[in-house]
Amino acid sequence: MATYASYRARMTPILSSYGGAFGHDFIVARVLKGDARINRVFTLLLPDRATRERFFADAQYLAARAELSEPSVATALVLGEIEATVA
C-alpha cells in the first residue's frame, strides 16, 4: 500500500494542475458482489472531457502510474463517467 500512497502523492499535484481533484475516496472493507480484490473506490473530478484526456495522456502522470500504481494495483475499473453540462 505504501507504493500506492506514493503514487497518489505524486499524481495529485499533476491532477490539480489540470483543474482536477478527488471528489470521493473510499477504502472498501467488504465486497458483497463482484471482484473481492477491489479495496479502493474514488471519484476524479475534471473540468471537461478534453481536460480528462490531456490529464490521462500527461507524460508525468503516465510515468508515475507506470512506476508506482501499476505494481501496486491488481485491478482498475472505470465504473462510470458523468459529464455535467452548464445551462
Protein backbone atom coordinates (compact mmCIF):
# COMPACT_ATOMS: atom_id res chain seq x y z
CA MET A 1 0.00 0.00 0.00
CA ALA A 2 2.99 2.31 0.51
CA THR A 3 3.65 2.30 -3.23
CA TYR A 4 0.04 3.29 -3.90
CA ALA A 5 0.31 6.12 -1.36
CA SER A 6 3.45 7.31 -3.16
CA TYR A 7 1.55 7.19 -6.46
CA ARG A 8 -1.27 9.30 -5.02
CA ALA A 9 1.22 11.80 -3.58
CA ARG A 10 2.93 12.17 -6.95
CA MET A 11 -0.15 12.28 -9.17
CA THR A 12 -2.29 14.62 -7.05
CA PRO A 13 -0.34 17.80 -7.97
CA ILE A 14 -0.50 16.75 -11.63
CA LEU A 15 -4.26 16.29 -11.32
CA SER A 16 -4.54 19.70 -9.63
CA SER A 17 -2.59 21.35 -12.45
CA TYR A 18 -5.40 20.29 -14.81
CA GLY A 19 -8.05 21.77 -12.51
CA GLY A 20 -8.87 18.30 -11.19
CA ALA A 21 -9.43 16.86 -7.74
CA PHE A 22 -10.61 13.78 -5.91
CA GLY A 23 -14.35 14.03 -5.28
CA HIS A 24 -14.83 11.00 -3.02
CA ASP A 25 -12.35 8.41 -1.75
CA PHE A 26 -13.31 5.18 0.00
CA ILE A 27 -11.36 2.24 1.40
CA VAL A 28 -13.54 -0.85 0.88
CA ALA A 29 -13.87 -3.09 3.94
CA ARG A 30 -16.12 -5.74 2.40
CA VAL A 31 -17.23 -6.55 -1.15
CA LEU A 32 -20.75 -8.01 -1.28
CA LYS A 33 -20.79 -8.74 -5.01
CA GLY A 34 -18.08 -8.53 -7.65
CA ASP A 35 -14.30 -8.73 -7.59
CA ALA A 36 -13.23 -9.12 -3.96
CA ARG A 37 -9.77 -7.69 -4.77
CA ILE A 38 -11.26 -4.21 -5.09
CA ASN A 39 -10.24 -2.34 -1.95
CA ARG A 40 -10.42 1.29 -3.05
CA VAL A 41 -13.12 3.35 -4.79
CA PHE A 42 -12.71 7.01 -5.66
CA THR A 43 -14.01 9.65 -8.00
CA LEU A 44 -11.93 12.07 -10.02
CA LEU A 45 -13.32 15.47 -10.95
CA LEU A 46 -12.02 17.20 -14.07
CA PRO A 47 -13.44 20.26 -15.83
CA ASP A 48 -14.33 18.52 -19.12
CA ARG A 49 -13.63 15.54 -21.38
CA ALA A 50 -10.78 17.25 -23.27
CA THR A 51 -9.02 18.05 -19.99
CA ARG A 52 -9.57 14.48 -18.78
CA GLU A 53 -7.94 13.14 -21.94
CA ARG A 54 -4.97 15.52 -21.58
CA PHE A 55 -4.52 14.55 -17.92
CA PHE A 56 -4.51 10.81 -18.63
CA ALA A 57 -2.04 11.36 -21.53
CA ASP A 58 0.29 13.61 -19.49
CA ALA A 59 3.88 12.26 -19.56
CA GLN A 60 4.44 12.93 -15.84
CA TYR A 61 1.18 11.21 -14.92
CA LEU A 62 1.99 8.20 -17.13
CA ALA A 63 5.45 7.90 -15.55
CA ALA A 64 4.00 7.99 -12.01
CA ARG A 65 1.36 5.45 -12.96
CA ALA A 66 3.88 3.05 -14.54
CA GLU A 67 6.36 3.34 -11.70
CA LEU A 68 4.07 3.39 -8.67
CA SER A 69 0.46 2.49 -9.48
CA GLU A 70 0.76 -0.46 -11.85
CA PRO A 71 2.98 -2.52 -9.48
CA SER A 72 0.61 -1.93 -6.55
CA VAL A 73 -2.85 -2.17 -8.16
CA ALA A 74 -4.17 -5.59 -9.18
CA THR A 75 -7.38 -4.38 -10.84
CA ALA A 76 -8.53 -0.97 -12.07
CA LEU A 77 -12.09 -0.44 -13.26
CA VAL A 78 -13.89 2.62 -14.58
CA LEU A 79 -17.37 2.23 -13.12
CA GLY A 80 -18.85 5.15 -14.98
CA GLU A 81 -18.41 8.61 -16.30
CA ILE A 82 -20.68 11.59 -15.81
CA GLU A 83 -20.40 14.71 -17.90
CA ALA A 84 -22.14 17.74 -16.46
CA THR A 85 -23.39 20.45 -18.76
CA VAL A 86 -23.66 24.10 -17.88
CA ALA A 87 -27.04 25.65 -18.69
